[in-house]
N, C-alpha and C. Protein backbone atom coordinates (compact mmCIF):
# COMPACT_ATOMS: atom_id res chain seq x y z
N UNK A 1 58.59 2.41 -49.23
CA UNK A 1 57.77 1.23 -49.46
C UNK A 1 57.42 0.55 -48.14
N UNK A 2 58.37 0.42 -47.25
CA UNK A 2 58.10 -0.21 -45.96
C UNK A 2 57.08 0.59 -45.14
N UNK A 3 57.17 1.95 -45.22
CA UNK A 3 56.22 2.77 -44.48
C UNK A 3 54.80 2.57 -44.98
N UNK A 4 54.64 2.46 -46.29
CA UNK A 4 53.32 2.24 -46.86
C UNK A 4 52.74 0.92 -46.38
N UNK A 5 53.54 -0.11 -46.34
CA UNK A 5 53.08 -1.42 -45.89
C UNK A 5 52.65 -1.36 -44.42
N UNK A 6 53.42 -0.64 -43.60
CA UNK A 6 53.09 -0.54 -42.18
C UNK A 6 51.77 0.21 -41.98
N UNK A 7 51.58 1.28 -42.73
CA UNK A 7 50.34 2.04 -42.62
C UNK A 7 49.16 1.21 -43.09
N UNK A 8 49.32 0.53 -44.23
CA UNK A 8 48.25 -0.32 -44.73
C UNK A 8 47.95 -1.44 -43.75
N UNK A 9 48.98 -2.04 -43.20
CA UNK A 9 48.79 -3.12 -42.23
C UNK A 9 48.03 -2.64 -41.01
N UNK A 10 48.33 -1.44 -40.51
CA UNK A 10 47.63 -0.91 -39.34
C UNK A 10 46.15 -0.70 -39.66
N UNK A 11 45.87 -0.17 -40.85
CA UNK A 11 44.48 0.06 -41.23
C UNK A 11 43.73 -1.27 -41.35
N UNK A 12 44.41 -2.29 -41.87
CA UNK A 12 43.77 -3.59 -42.02
C UNK A 12 43.48 -4.23 -40.66
N UNK A 13 44.26 -3.88 -39.64
CA UNK A 13 44.05 -4.43 -38.31
C UNK A 13 42.97 -3.66 -37.54
N UNK A 14 42.34 -2.71 -38.18
CA UNK A 14 41.27 -1.97 -37.52
C UNK A 14 41.79 -0.82 -36.69
N UNK A 15 42.68 -0.01 -37.26
CA UNK A 15 43.30 1.10 -36.56
C UNK A 15 42.34 2.20 -36.14
N UNK A 16 41.12 2.22 -36.65
CA UNK A 16 40.17 3.26 -36.29
C UNK A 16 39.54 2.97 -34.93
N UNK A 17 39.38 4.00 -34.13
CA UNK A 17 38.69 3.86 -32.85
C UNK A 17 37.21 4.12 -33.11
N UNK A 18 36.37 3.25 -32.60
CA UNK A 18 34.92 3.40 -32.76
C UNK A 18 34.31 3.75 -31.41
N UNK A 19 33.35 4.65 -31.45
CA UNK A 19 32.65 5.13 -30.25
C UNK A 19 31.20 4.67 -30.37
N UNK A 20 30.72 4.09 -29.30
CA UNK A 20 29.30 3.71 -29.27
C UNK A 20 28.75 4.12 -27.93
N UNK A 21 27.69 4.85 -27.95
CA UNK A 21 27.01 5.25 -26.72
C UNK A 21 25.63 4.63 -26.69
N UNK A 22 25.22 4.30 -25.50
CA UNK A 22 23.91 3.70 -25.31
C UNK A 22 23.25 4.35 -24.11
N UNK A 23 22.03 4.81 -24.27
CA UNK A 23 21.25 5.36 -23.15
C UNK A 23 20.20 4.33 -22.78
N UNK A 24 20.12 4.03 -21.49
CA UNK A 24 19.12 3.09 -21.00
C UNK A 24 18.30 3.77 -19.91
N UNK A 25 17.00 3.82 -20.10
CA UNK A 25 16.09 4.39 -19.11
C UNK A 25 15.31 3.24 -18.49
N UNK A 26 15.47 3.09 -17.18
CA UNK A 26 14.71 2.09 -16.42
C UNK A 26 13.64 2.85 -15.64
N UNK A 27 12.39 2.42 -15.78
CA UNK A 27 11.26 3.14 -15.20
C UNK A 27 10.70 2.39 -14.00
N UNK A 28 10.49 3.15 -12.92
CA UNK A 28 9.96 2.60 -11.67
C UNK A 28 8.81 3.47 -11.18
N UNK A 29 7.95 2.88 -10.35
CA UNK A 29 6.88 3.63 -9.69
C UNK A 29 7.48 4.41 -8.54
N UNK A 30 6.80 5.46 -8.11
CA UNK A 30 7.30 6.36 -7.07
C UNK A 30 7.64 5.64 -5.77
N UNK A 31 6.87 4.63 -5.39
CA UNK A 31 7.09 3.96 -4.11
C UNK A 31 7.99 2.73 -4.21
N UNK A 32 8.57 2.46 -5.37
CA UNK A 32 9.48 1.32 -5.52
C UNK A 32 10.78 1.56 -4.79
N UNK A 33 11.30 0.53 -4.18
CA UNK A 33 12.64 0.55 -3.59
C UNK A 33 13.60 0.13 -4.71
N UNK A 34 14.38 1.07 -5.21
CA UNK A 34 15.21 0.80 -6.38
C UNK A 34 16.27 -0.28 -6.13
N UNK A 35 16.58 -0.55 -4.89
CA UNK A 35 17.56 -1.61 -4.60
C UNK A 35 16.97 -2.99 -4.83
N UNK A 36 15.64 -3.09 -4.81
CA UNK A 36 14.99 -4.39 -4.91
C UNK A 36 14.01 -4.51 -6.08
N UNK A 37 13.49 -3.41 -6.53
CA UNK A 37 12.41 -3.43 -7.52
C UNK A 37 12.92 -3.78 -8.92
N UNK A 38 12.03 -4.34 -9.69
CA UNK A 38 12.26 -4.59 -11.10
C UNK A 38 11.56 -3.47 -11.86
N UNK A 39 12.24 -2.83 -12.81
CA UNK A 39 11.57 -1.75 -13.55
C UNK A 39 10.36 -2.28 -14.31
N UNK A 40 9.35 -1.44 -14.45
CA UNK A 40 8.17 -1.86 -15.21
C UNK A 40 8.41 -1.72 -16.71
N UNK A 41 9.45 -0.94 -17.09
CA UNK A 41 9.80 -0.80 -18.50
C UNK A 41 11.25 -0.33 -18.60
N UNK A 42 11.94 -0.81 -19.65
CA UNK A 42 13.31 -0.37 -19.93
C UNK A 42 13.38 -0.03 -21.42
N UNK A 43 13.88 1.18 -21.72
CA UNK A 43 14.03 1.62 -23.10
C UNK A 43 15.49 1.99 -23.35
N UNK A 44 15.94 1.78 -24.59
CA UNK A 44 17.32 2.09 -24.95
C UNK A 44 17.36 2.90 -26.24
N UNK A 45 18.44 3.67 -26.39
CA UNK A 45 18.66 4.44 -27.61
C UNK A 45 20.14 4.61 -27.88
N UNK A 46 20.49 4.78 -29.15
CA UNK A 46 21.88 5.00 -29.56
C UNK A 46 22.15 6.48 -29.70
N UNK A 47 23.44 6.85 -29.75
CA UNK A 47 23.80 8.27 -29.74
C UNK A 47 24.65 8.69 -30.91
N UNK A 48 24.91 9.99 -30.93
CA UNK A 48 25.87 10.61 -31.84
C UNK A 48 26.92 11.31 -30.99
N UNK A 49 28.18 11.01 -31.20
CA UNK A 49 29.27 11.74 -30.55
C UNK A 49 29.33 13.11 -31.19
N UNK A 50 29.21 14.15 -30.37
CA UNK A 50 29.24 15.52 -30.89
C UNK A 50 30.68 16.00 -31.06
N UNK A 51 30.90 16.93 -31.96
CA UNK A 51 32.24 17.45 -32.21
C UNK A 51 32.86 18.01 -30.94
N UNK A 52 32.09 18.77 -30.17
CA UNK A 52 32.61 19.33 -28.91
C UNK A 52 32.98 18.21 -27.93
N UNK A 53 32.20 17.14 -27.91
CA UNK A 53 32.50 16.00 -27.04
C UNK A 53 33.77 15.28 -27.47
N UNK A 54 33.94 15.09 -28.77
CA UNK A 54 35.16 14.45 -29.27
C UNK A 54 36.38 15.30 -28.94
N UNK A 55 36.25 16.61 -29.08
CA UNK A 55 37.36 17.51 -28.74
C UNK A 55 37.69 17.41 -27.26
N UNK A 56 36.68 17.40 -26.40
CA UNK A 56 36.91 17.24 -24.96
C UNK A 56 37.64 15.93 -24.66
N UNK A 57 37.20 14.85 -25.24
CA UNK A 57 37.82 13.55 -24.99
C UNK A 57 39.28 13.52 -25.46
N UNK A 58 39.55 14.08 -26.61
CA UNK A 58 40.92 14.11 -27.11
C UNK A 58 41.80 15.03 -26.26
N UNK A 59 41.26 16.17 -25.85
CA UNK A 59 42.03 17.07 -24.97
C UNK A 59 42.37 16.38 -23.66
N UNK A 60 41.41 15.69 -23.06
CA UNK A 60 41.67 14.98 -21.81
C UNK A 60 42.69 13.86 -22.02
N UNK A 61 42.60 13.15 -23.13
CA UNK A 61 43.55 12.09 -23.44
C UNK A 61 44.97 12.63 -23.55
N UNK A 62 45.11 13.82 -24.09
CA UNK A 62 46.42 14.43 -24.29
C UNK A 62 46.86 15.30 -23.11
N UNK A 63 46.08 15.33 -22.04
CA UNK A 63 46.45 16.12 -20.86
C UNK A 63 46.24 17.61 -21.03
N UNK A 64 45.42 17.98 -21.99
CA UNK A 64 45.11 19.38 -22.23
C UNK A 64 43.87 19.73 -21.40
N UNK A 65 43.72 20.98 -21.04
CA UNK A 65 42.61 21.42 -20.19
C UNK A 65 41.26 20.92 -20.68
N UNK A 66 40.41 20.70 -19.73
CA UNK A 66 39.04 20.27 -19.98
C UNK A 66 38.48 19.69 -18.71
N UNK A 67 37.23 19.89 -18.45
CA UNK A 67 36.61 19.39 -17.23
C UNK A 67 36.31 17.91 -17.37
N UNK A 68 36.81 17.14 -16.41
CA UNK A 68 36.64 15.69 -16.43
C UNK A 68 35.19 15.28 -16.23
N UNK A 69 34.86 14.12 -16.73
CA UNK A 69 33.54 13.52 -16.51
C UNK A 69 33.66 12.61 -15.28
N UNK A 70 33.79 13.22 -14.11
CA UNK A 70 33.98 12.46 -12.88
C UNK A 70 32.78 12.64 -11.95
N UNK A 71 32.90 12.13 -10.72
CA UNK A 71 31.75 12.16 -9.80
C UNK A 71 31.36 13.56 -9.35
N UNK A 72 32.22 14.55 -9.55
CA UNK A 72 31.85 15.92 -9.16
C UNK A 72 31.37 16.76 -10.34
N UNK A 73 31.56 16.28 -11.55
CA UNK A 73 31.20 17.07 -12.74
C UNK A 73 30.25 16.38 -13.71
N UNK A 74 30.31 15.07 -13.84
CA UNK A 74 29.53 14.37 -14.86
C UNK A 74 28.03 14.51 -14.61
N UNK A 75 27.32 14.84 -15.65
CA UNK A 75 25.87 14.99 -15.59
C UNK A 75 25.25 14.16 -16.71
N UNK A 76 24.21 13.41 -16.38
CA UNK A 76 23.38 12.83 -17.43
C UNK A 76 22.24 13.82 -17.64
N UNK A 77 21.87 14.01 -18.88
CA UNK A 77 20.96 15.10 -19.24
C UNK A 77 19.77 14.55 -20.01
N UNK A 78 18.62 15.17 -19.78
CA UNK A 78 17.42 14.83 -20.55
C UNK A 78 16.75 16.12 -20.99
N UNK A 79 16.02 16.02 -22.08
CA UNK A 79 15.31 17.17 -22.60
C UNK A 79 14.14 16.73 -23.46
N UNK A 80 13.38 17.71 -23.93
CA UNK A 80 12.21 17.39 -24.74
C UNK A 80 12.40 17.75 -26.22
N UNK A 81 13.62 17.96 -26.64
CA UNK A 81 13.90 18.30 -28.05
C UNK A 81 13.81 17.09 -28.95
N UNK A 82 13.28 17.31 -30.14
CA UNK A 82 13.12 16.23 -31.11
C UNK A 82 13.91 16.44 -32.39
N UNK A 83 14.67 17.53 -32.47
CA UNK A 83 15.49 17.78 -33.66
C UNK A 83 16.49 16.65 -33.84
N UNK A 84 16.75 16.29 -35.07
CA UNK A 84 17.72 15.23 -35.35
C UNK A 84 19.08 15.60 -34.76
N UNK A 85 19.79 14.59 -34.29
CA UNK A 85 21.14 14.82 -33.76
C UNK A 85 22.07 15.22 -34.90
N UNK A 86 22.91 16.22 -34.63
CA UNK A 86 23.89 16.70 -35.60
C UNK A 86 25.21 16.94 -34.86
N UNK A 87 26.31 16.59 -35.47
CA UNK A 87 27.62 16.64 -34.82
C UNK A 87 27.96 18.02 -34.26
N UNK A 88 27.49 19.09 -34.86
CA UNK A 88 27.83 20.43 -34.42
C UNK A 88 27.02 20.95 -33.24
N UNK A 89 26.04 20.19 -32.77
CA UNK A 89 25.24 20.64 -31.64
C UNK A 89 26.10 20.69 -30.37
N UNK A 90 25.80 21.64 -29.51
CA UNK A 90 26.57 21.81 -28.28
C UNK A 90 25.72 21.68 -27.02
N UNK A 91 24.41 21.49 -27.19
CA UNK A 91 23.52 21.35 -26.04
C UNK A 91 22.30 20.56 -26.48
N UNK A 92 21.50 20.14 -25.49
CA UNK A 92 20.22 19.55 -25.81
C UNK A 92 19.39 20.60 -26.55
N UNK A 93 18.45 20.16 -27.34
CA UNK A 93 17.73 21.06 -28.23
C UNK A 93 16.35 21.47 -27.75
N UNK A 94 15.85 20.86 -26.70
CA UNK A 94 14.49 21.13 -26.25
C UNK A 94 14.35 22.38 -25.39
N UNK A 95 13.11 22.72 -25.10
CA UNK A 95 12.78 23.82 -24.20
C UNK A 95 12.99 23.40 -22.76
N UNK A 96 12.52 22.20 -22.41
CA UNK A 96 12.72 21.65 -21.08
C UNK A 96 14.00 20.81 -21.08
N UNK A 97 14.90 21.13 -20.15
CA UNK A 97 16.17 20.40 -20.04
C UNK A 97 16.48 20.21 -18.57
N UNK A 98 17.10 19.09 -18.26
CA UNK A 98 17.49 18.83 -16.87
C UNK A 98 18.81 18.08 -16.88
N UNK A 99 19.78 18.60 -16.13
CA UNK A 99 21.10 17.96 -16.00
C UNK A 99 21.23 17.44 -14.58
N UNK A 100 21.46 16.16 -14.43
CA UNK A 100 21.51 15.54 -13.11
C UNK A 100 22.92 15.00 -12.85
N UNK A 101 23.49 15.41 -11.71
CA UNK A 101 24.79 14.89 -11.30
C UNK A 101 24.68 13.37 -11.15
N UNK A 102 25.71 12.66 -11.59
CA UNK A 102 25.69 11.20 -11.48
C UNK A 102 25.54 10.77 -10.03
N UNK A 103 24.91 9.61 -9.82
CA UNK A 103 24.66 9.10 -8.47
C UNK A 103 25.95 8.68 -7.76
N UNK A 104 26.95 8.29 -8.53
CA UNK A 104 28.22 7.83 -7.96
C UNK A 104 29.31 8.03 -9.01
N UNK A 105 30.54 7.82 -8.60
CA UNK A 105 31.65 7.96 -9.54
C UNK A 105 31.42 7.05 -10.75
N UNK A 106 31.63 7.58 -11.95
CA UNK A 106 31.53 6.73 -13.13
C UNK A 106 32.49 5.54 -13.00
N UNK A 107 32.12 4.44 -13.61
CA UNK A 107 32.99 3.26 -13.56
C UNK A 107 33.47 2.92 -14.96
N UNK A 108 34.64 2.32 -15.01
CA UNK A 108 35.20 1.83 -16.27
C UNK A 108 35.46 0.34 -16.11
N UNK A 109 35.02 -0.41 -17.08
CA UNK A 109 35.25 -1.85 -17.10
C UNK A 109 35.64 -2.22 -18.52
N UNK A 110 36.89 -2.65 -18.68
CA UNK A 110 37.38 -2.96 -20.02
C UNK A 110 37.34 -1.73 -20.89
N UNK A 111 36.63 -1.79 -21.98
CA UNK A 111 36.54 -0.66 -22.91
C UNK A 111 35.23 0.11 -22.78
N UNK A 112 34.57 0.00 -21.60
CA UNK A 112 33.30 0.70 -21.39
C UNK A 112 33.35 1.59 -20.16
N UNK A 113 32.68 2.73 -20.25
CA UNK A 113 32.49 3.64 -19.12
C UNK A 113 30.99 3.74 -18.88
N UNK A 114 30.61 3.79 -17.59
CA UNK A 114 29.20 3.83 -17.21
C UNK A 114 28.92 5.06 -16.35
N UNK A 115 27.87 5.79 -16.70
CA UNK A 115 27.43 6.98 -15.99
C UNK A 115 25.94 6.80 -15.72
N UNK A 116 25.47 7.05 -14.48
CA UNK A 116 24.06 6.86 -14.20
C UNK A 116 23.58 7.84 -13.14
N UNK A 117 22.29 8.13 -13.23
CA UNK A 117 21.64 9.00 -12.26
C UNK A 117 20.18 8.60 -12.12
N UNK A 118 19.66 8.83 -10.93
CA UNK A 118 18.25 8.56 -10.63
C UNK A 118 17.51 9.89 -10.59
N UNK A 119 16.42 9.96 -11.32
CA UNK A 119 15.57 11.14 -11.34
C UNK A 119 14.37 10.83 -10.47
N UNK A 120 14.27 11.50 -9.31
CA UNK A 120 13.19 11.19 -8.39
C UNK A 120 11.88 11.82 -8.85
N UNK A 121 10.87 11.69 -8.04
CA UNK A 121 9.52 12.12 -8.45
C UNK A 121 9.39 13.61 -8.73
N UNK A 122 10.30 14.42 -8.19
CA UNK A 122 10.19 15.88 -8.39
C UNK A 122 11.09 16.40 -9.52
N UNK A 123 11.79 15.52 -10.21
CA UNK A 123 12.78 15.97 -11.20
C UNK A 123 12.42 15.56 -12.63
N UNK A 124 12.64 16.50 -13.55
CA UNK A 124 12.54 16.26 -15.00
C UNK A 124 11.20 15.67 -15.41
N UNK A 125 10.14 16.26 -14.91
CA UNK A 125 8.79 15.78 -15.24
C UNK A 125 8.30 16.45 -16.52
N UNK A 126 8.65 15.83 -17.63
CA UNK A 126 8.25 16.27 -18.96
C UNK A 126 8.52 15.14 -19.94
N UNK A 127 8.25 15.35 -21.21
CA UNK A 127 8.52 14.33 -22.24
C UNK A 127 10.03 14.18 -22.40
N UNK A 128 10.53 12.97 -22.24
CA UNK A 128 11.95 12.70 -22.45
C UNK A 128 12.13 12.28 -23.90
N UNK A 129 12.63 13.20 -24.72
CA UNK A 129 12.82 12.95 -26.15
C UNK A 129 14.29 12.92 -26.55
N UNK A 130 15.17 13.34 -25.64
CA UNK A 130 16.60 13.38 -25.93
C UNK A 130 17.36 13.17 -24.62
N UNK A 131 18.58 12.73 -24.75
CA UNK A 131 19.44 12.53 -23.58
C UNK A 131 20.88 12.79 -24.00
N UNK A 132 21.74 12.96 -23.00
CA UNK A 132 23.15 13.18 -23.30
C UNK A 132 23.99 13.10 -22.04
N UNK A 133 25.27 13.30 -22.23
CA UNK A 133 26.26 13.29 -21.16
C UNK A 133 27.03 14.60 -21.24
N UNK A 134 27.11 15.30 -20.10
CA UNK A 134 27.79 16.60 -20.05
C UNK A 134 28.75 16.63 -18.87
N UNK A 135 29.62 17.65 -18.86
CA UNK A 135 30.64 17.74 -17.81
C UNK A 135 30.43 18.90 -16.84
N UNK A 136 29.22 19.45 -16.78
CA UNK A 136 28.91 20.51 -15.80
C UNK A 136 27.41 20.77 -15.80
N UNK A 137 26.95 21.47 -14.77
CA UNK A 137 25.53 21.79 -14.66
C UNK A 137 25.12 22.87 -15.66
N UNK A 138 26.01 23.81 -15.94
CA UNK A 138 25.74 24.89 -16.89
C UNK A 138 27.03 25.22 -17.62
N UNK A 139 26.92 25.71 -18.84
CA UNK A 139 28.11 26.05 -19.61
C UNK A 139 28.96 24.83 -19.91
N UNK A 140 28.34 23.69 -19.97
CA UNK A 140 29.05 22.42 -20.11
C UNK A 140 29.34 22.06 -21.56
N UNK A 141 30.21 21.09 -21.70
CA UNK A 141 30.40 20.44 -22.99
C UNK A 141 29.47 19.24 -23.03
N UNK A 142 28.57 19.20 -23.99
CA UNK A 142 27.73 18.04 -24.20
C UNK A 142 28.52 17.07 -25.07
N UNK A 143 28.80 15.90 -24.54
CA UNK A 143 29.65 14.93 -25.21
C UNK A 143 28.91 14.23 -26.34
N UNK A 144 27.70 13.78 -26.03
CA UNK A 144 26.93 13.05 -27.02
C UNK A 144 25.46 13.39 -26.87
N UNK A 145 24.67 13.00 -27.87
CA UNK A 145 23.25 13.31 -27.84
C UNK A 145 22.48 12.12 -28.40
N UNK A 146 21.46 11.72 -27.67
CA UNK A 146 20.55 10.65 -28.07
C UNK A 146 19.22 11.31 -28.42
N UNK A 147 18.62 10.94 -29.52
CA UNK A 147 17.27 11.39 -29.84
C UNK A 147 16.42 10.12 -29.87
N UNK A 148 15.60 10.00 -28.85
CA UNK A 148 14.81 8.78 -28.65
C UNK A 148 13.63 9.16 -27.77
N UNK A 149 12.44 8.72 -28.13
CA UNK A 149 11.29 8.98 -27.27
C UNK A 149 11.29 7.96 -26.14
N UNK A 150 11.60 8.44 -24.94
CA UNK A 150 11.63 7.57 -23.77
C UNK A 150 10.30 7.59 -23.03
N UNK A 151 9.41 8.53 -23.37
CA UNK A 151 8.12 8.62 -22.70
C UNK A 151 8.02 9.89 -21.88
N UNK A 152 6.93 10.01 -21.14
CA UNK A 152 6.68 11.18 -20.30
C UNK A 152 6.87 10.80 -18.84
N UNK A 153 7.82 11.46 -18.19
CA UNK A 153 8.05 11.24 -16.77
C UNK A 153 7.14 12.18 -15.99
N UNK A 154 6.51 11.64 -14.94
CA UNK A 154 5.61 12.42 -14.09
C UNK A 154 6.04 12.30 -12.63
N UNK A 155 5.36 13.01 -11.77
CA UNK A 155 5.68 12.98 -10.35
C UNK A 155 5.31 11.66 -9.67
N UNK A 156 4.66 10.77 -10.37
CA UNK A 156 4.36 9.46 -9.80
C UNK A 156 5.39 8.40 -10.21
N UNK A 157 6.49 8.87 -10.81
CA UNK A 157 7.51 7.95 -11.32
C UNK A 157 8.91 8.38 -10.89
N UNK A 158 9.79 7.41 -10.80
CA UNK A 158 11.23 7.67 -10.67
C UNK A 158 11.91 6.84 -11.76
N UNK A 159 12.83 7.47 -12.46
CA UNK A 159 13.50 6.82 -13.57
C UNK A 159 15.01 6.90 -13.36
N UNK A 160 15.71 5.88 -13.82
CA UNK A 160 17.17 5.94 -13.84
C UNK A 160 17.62 6.00 -15.30
N UNK A 161 18.62 6.82 -15.53
CA UNK A 161 19.21 6.94 -16.86
C UNK A 161 20.67 6.52 -16.75
N UNK A 162 21.03 5.51 -17.51
CA UNK A 162 22.40 5.03 -17.57
C UNK A 162 22.94 5.29 -18.97
N UNK A 163 24.10 5.92 -19.03
CA UNK A 163 24.76 6.11 -20.32
C UNK A 163 26.03 5.26 -20.31
N UNK A 164 26.11 4.37 -21.28
CA UNK A 164 27.25 3.49 -21.43
C UNK A 164 28.02 3.92 -22.68
N UNK A 165 29.30 4.15 -22.52
CA UNK A 165 30.16 4.55 -23.63
C UNK A 165 31.14 3.43 -23.88
N UNK A 166 31.22 2.96 -25.12
CA UNK A 166 32.12 1.88 -25.49
C UNK A 166 33.10 2.40 -26.55
N UNK A 167 34.39 2.20 -26.33
CA UNK A 167 35.41 2.52 -27.33
C UNK A 167 36.01 1.20 -27.79
N UNK A 168 36.07 1.01 -29.08
CA UNK A 168 36.65 -0.24 -29.61
C UNK A 168 37.40 0.03 -30.88
């Protein structure tokens, strides 16, 4: 009886961990100084945590093998796929895909982790319809997937993609 009360009490206190991912694309002109410029447009989208991504996170939490999402491995990814996000997906779904190493070491503040990269004028020039976070340039685990029309990036633009992960 006491065990049942403890389990019920834990559930009532919100024992479930919730994952929320947010992709933010800030758009700049090619000649903008990103340290000073204000983006001409900012778009956001929500994500789906993929099964492979959840497995990677749990393995890393338990000290089991898996490539870390650190400054040498973490990639923010964009593609032109429009298929609905599904938990069993393991990669972006589009024909055009680009994985960009993060600009700096990911940061953690409280219950949030931040990953970001700048795509210069020569990178990922196609329709951005999906985004995600991966742990390698190729053969990676895609942690999450966003399906959101961010627009068409061209060689006259530079865009930054920030992925924020919140656990609560």
